[in-house]
Amino acid sequence: MTPNSPPTNTQAKNVVSVDFEDYYHVEAFSRQVNRQEWASFPSRIERNTHQVLDVLDAAGVSATFFMLGWAAERYPQIVREIVNRGHEAACHSYWHRLIYNLTPEEFRQDTILAKDTIEQASGVAVVGYRAPSFSIVERSWWAFEILAELGFQYDSSVFPIRHDTYGIPAAPRRPFEVDTPHGSIREYPMTTFRFGSNANLPVAGGGYLRLFPFFYTRFGVSRAAAEHVPVIAYIHPWEFDADQPRITGGSMKSRIRHYTNLAETKTRFTSLLRLVPFTSFREVMLTSKGEQDRTV
């Protein structure tokens, strides 16, 4: 199973998504923070998620929240509030481990646990998945078969760029279907645009929203729309928190990526939501069945 040529559909439906995790869950500091010690860190996830929810409410936008199972298990009250405020609950693994560092069976067990935990906390069926750190890459493409086996209908983990942690540069830039022995699963790749070269440039979320000036985001979203590429915006609650506890250690690169311009996130995310109409993956799936191209 590998990506084929980019699809040719022209209907771009834009999605806003939230990776529901706390500041100490991130891959950037996974060597400094032992997962068995997560519970000892002061949590900021409820406070920060309320900020995200309020921004979405003010914009009149429903979003998809890709939830870390570990966090959903410990903070079910905020999970229920997310759902009650009209947003979609989806899966972001249980332990936030890179898929390509797992065996297929380790990935299956993590995903089963996460899906069940999130469904118990939210009271709704979970049909969407996003890999930690977009870690569905060429060597972990096998994950699609397991996701389909477990009943997932869509994924949003493939990033068609070159990056030191993730990315499939040759992947289609528009939504496509992946066929597996357990049925097909729809992939919504993260947003890229092109300008002056054949290289795909990332836009519309996370560190890219914070690290680059907002005119880059505005330009990239405009280019993506002109190329009929859906805008898949994403954010983390911890990115709304400039006062979060600092984790000691980590590479300079990781610290720059994690801490730069945290104080600007709320303003920039609010501005991003005004650039194009956004909705959740749930709503896109309900209205676009049969519109996507296929890959094998």
Foldseek 3Di string as FASTA:
>chain_A
DDADAADDFQAAAAAEEEAQDFPLLAPLCCVQDPLVCVVVFDGDRLVLVVLVLVLCVVLVAAHEYAYALCVCLVCLVSLQVSVVSPHHYAHAWHRLDQQLVDDLVVRLVRRVSSQVSSCVSHVDHHQEYEYRVLRCEPSRVVVQQSSLVVRHAEYEREELADDPRHHNVRHHQAKAWEQDPSGIHIYQYAHWADDPDPHTHHEAEQLRLQVDPLVVRLVGVVRCSVVSGHHYHYYYSNLCPQPGDDRPDGDPVSCCSSRGRSPCVSVSNSVSCPNDPYYYVVVVCVPCPPSHYYDD
